[in-house]
């Protein structure tokens, strides 16, 4: 364990010896900023904390919400093409969940559904659900989740929260190379007897920095000029390649 993390754990442990000041739940992240640079290969964020009374811990990390379109391809005249689509609103662009015990052992299904613990319990909003039968809506929903999981943006299984001496806990969340930028939330829940008794939300920023951020801002703020520069750069690269490989 790194010295900084060790110091934080010692401070948390020391806090448990002061019951007059103890809080039901205290948690924090090893870093509140994930910087995406040109050489970004993914990042692992450590979440740690302490609880005053024994209980179960569930950690949910969500990315910013956005509109997501799901397409379906069909074979038409021998050619595969998009023939149908649906649009979901308020879809987390990233989702991961971890717990100290299997979710089904922590609380009943009604509580898990209400808190959206697990990707299959996320509540997606269809932009237009009037023309979809319930069984078709379920197929589109599963396709959206499967696509997110294939991209590494939704967890396929529940992560593990390690608990030490029934007071200290820790877990880690991996953010892949294609993680979207934006403000994320790390939600920490304390459950006792199957009910949420305390919760805490901690922000996490995922942002491009350096030349990567400058290029992104340039492309977003001045798309026409960025496109022109990109075309000129491609033409110049092709011309230099022609000079380098042309026969004498």
Foldseek 3Di string as FASTA:
>chain_A
DDPVVVVVVVVQVVVLVPVVPDDQKDKDKPDQEAEAEPPDFWDKIKMKIWGNAFFKKKKKKFAFWAKDKDFDWDQDPNDTDTDDIWIWGRDTLAIAMAIADPPVVRAPPVQCLVVVHALVSDDIHTPDCPPPDPVRVVVRSVRVVVVSVVVVRYDPDHHHWDDDPSIMIMDMDMGGSPHDFDKMKIKMFTGDPRDTPDIDIDIHGYYYDDVVNVLVCCCVVPVVVNVVVVVVVVVVVVVVVCVVPPDD
